[in-house]
Structures are given as structure tokens and as C-alpha cells.
Amino acid sequence: MVTNHGFRQANLELHQICRTESLPDHHRDPFDRLLIAQAIELGAVAVTDDPHWQNYPVRVNF
């Protein structure tokens, strides 16, 4: 169903996990920081209404 709407699964890579260490401390939720790092690394568009994401170089849609 997800692929029918243009979404794709992204595997978690070690370099994405390591990227969380270099992110500014705007967001303290570790899972969100991981998603932010992954979105940055993949150049992906994130779908969220969390205002903290605006502080990172991530394209956000909501």
C-alpha cells in the first residue's frame, strides 16, 4: 500500500546513526533525531507537524 503512494522503505545505516551526534541540539527526542539524520542523508522529504524539524536542513511537508 505504501509503495502505491510513492513512498519507499529506507534501511537504517550506521553512518545515519553516527550523523545524529553532529546534529544541533534543537530536538532532544532520540528517535526523531535519527529520522532527521536519515532524511538529511537520503535527501528525503519528511512528513511531520513537529516544529523542531524546521531547525534542520530537511524538507518537510505536512
C-alpha atoms as a PDB file:
ATOM      1  CA  MET A   1       0.000   0.000   0.000  1.00  0.00           C
ATOM      2  CA  VAL A   2       2.742   2.464   0.886  1.00  0.00           C
ATOM      3  CA  THR A   3       4.582   1.910  -2.399  1.00  0.00           C
ATOM      4  CA  ASN A   4       1.349   2.652  -4.281  1.00  0.00           C
ATOM      5  CA  HIS A   5       1.564   6.217  -2.944  1.00  0.00           C
ATOM      6  CA  GLY A   6       5.198   6.843  -3.907  1.00  0.00           C
ATOM      7  CA  PHE A   7       6.766   6.054  -0.540  1.00  0.00           C
ATOM      8  CA  ARG A   8       9.654   3.648  -0.170  1.00  0.00           C
ATOM      9  CA  GLN A   9      11.266   1.872   2.741  1.00  0.00           C
ATOM     10  CA  ALA A  10      14.658   3.177   3.842  1.00  0.00           C
ATOM     11  CA  ASN A  11      17.020   0.854   5.661  1.00  0.00           C
ATOM     12  CA  LEU A  12      18.827   2.283   8.659  1.00  0.00           C
ATOM     13  CA  GLU A  13      22.566   2.612   8.012  1.00  0.00           C
ATOM     14  CA  LEU A  14      25.396   3.056  10.521  1.00  0.00           C
ATOM     15  CA  HIS A  15      26.521   6.372   9.006  1.00  0.00           C
ATOM     16  CA  GLN A  16      22.991   7.721   9.556  1.00  0.00           C
ATOM     17  CA  ILE A  17      23.129   6.715  13.209  1.00  0.00           C
ATOM     18  CA  CYS A  18      26.530   8.396  13.557  1.00  0.00           C
ATOM     19  CA  ARG A  19      25.142  11.547  11.927  1.00  0.00           C
ATOM     20  CA  THR A  20      22.876  12.099  14.950  1.00  0.00           C
ATOM     21  CA  GLU A  21      25.958  13.008  17.005  1.00  0.00           C
ATOM     22  CA  SER A  22      26.736  16.002  14.791  1.00  0.00           C
ATOM     23  CA  LEU A  23      23.199  17.408  14.704  1.00  0.00           C
ATOM     24  CA  PRO A  24      22.487  20.620  16.620  1.00  0.00           C
ATOM     25  CA  ASP A  25      20.584  20.024  19.835  1.00  0.00           C
ATOM     26  CA  HIS A  26      17.280  21.576  18.701  1.00  0.00           C
ATOM     27  CA  HIS A  27      15.421  18.290  19.165  1.00  0.00           C
ATOM     28  CA  ARG A  28      16.066  16.017  22.134  1.00  0.00           C
ATOM     29  CA  ASP A  29      13.930  13.035  21.117  1.00  0.00           C
ATOM     30  CA  PRO A  30      16.473  10.371  20.054  1.00  0.00           C
ATOM     31  CA  PHE A  31      14.128   8.666  17.589  1.00  0.00           C
ATOM     32  CA  ASP A  32      13.238  11.940  15.876  1.00  0.00           C
ATOM     33  CA  ARG A  33      16.941  12.844  15.724  1.00  0.00           C
ATOM     34  CA  LEU A  34      17.566   9.544  13.977  1.00  0.00           C
ATOM     35  CA  LEU A  35      14.776  10.234  11.469  1.00  0.00           C
ATOM     36  CA  ILE A  36      16.158  13.733  10.892  1.00  0.00           C
ATOM     37  CA  ALA A  37      19.657  12.375  10.259  1.00  0.00           C
ATOM     38  CA  GLN A  38      18.269   9.763   7.890  1.00  0.00           C
ATOM     39  CA  ALA A  39      16.226  12.356   5.988  1.00  0.00           C
ATOM     40  CA  ILE A  40      19.312  14.559   5.635  1.00  0.00           C
ATOM     41  CA  GLU A  41      21.485  11.689   4.421  1.00  0.00           C
ATOM     42  CA  LEU A  42      18.888  10.461   1.923  1.00  0.00           C
ATOM     43  CA  GLY A  43      17.707  13.882   0.806  1.00  0.00           C
ATOM     44  CA  ALA A  44      14.232  12.682   1.705  1.00  0.00           C
ATOM     45  CA  VAL A  45      11.094  14.702   2.354  1.00  0.00           C
ATOM     46  CA  ALA A  46       9.756  14.229   5.880  1.00  0.00           C
ATOM     47  CA  VAL A  47       6.068  14.271   6.734  1.00  0.00           C
ATOM     48  CA  THR A  48       5.621  15.774  10.188  1.00  0.00           C
ATOM     49  CA  ASP A  49       3.984  18.650  12.012  1.00  0.00           C
ATOM     50  CA  ASP A  50       6.748  18.793  14.630  1.00  0.00           C
ATOM     51  CA  PRO A  51       8.045  22.399  14.643  1.00  0.00           C
ATOM     52  CA  HIS A  52      11.526  21.316  15.802  1.00  0.00           C
ATOM     53  CA  TRP A  53      12.225  19.835  12.372  1.00  0.00           C
ATOM     54  CA  GLN A  54      12.265  23.347  10.868  1.00  0.00           C
ATOM     55  CA  ASN A  55      15.602  23.926  12.622  1.00  0.00           C
ATOM     56  CA  TYR A  56      17.338  21.301  10.472  1.00  0.00           C
ATOM     57  CA  PRO A  57      18.169  21.182   6.745  1.00  0.00           C
ATOM     58  CA  VAL A  58      15.288  18.806   5.993  1.00  0.00           C
ATOM     59  CA  ARG A  59      12.450  19.303   3.528  1.00  0.00           C
ATOM     60  CA  VAL A  60       9.221  18.936   5.494  1.00  0.00           C
ATOM     61  CA  ASN A  61       5.660  18.512   4.266  1.00  0.00           C
ATOM     62  CA  PHE A  62       2.537  18.479   6.365  1.00  0.00           C
END
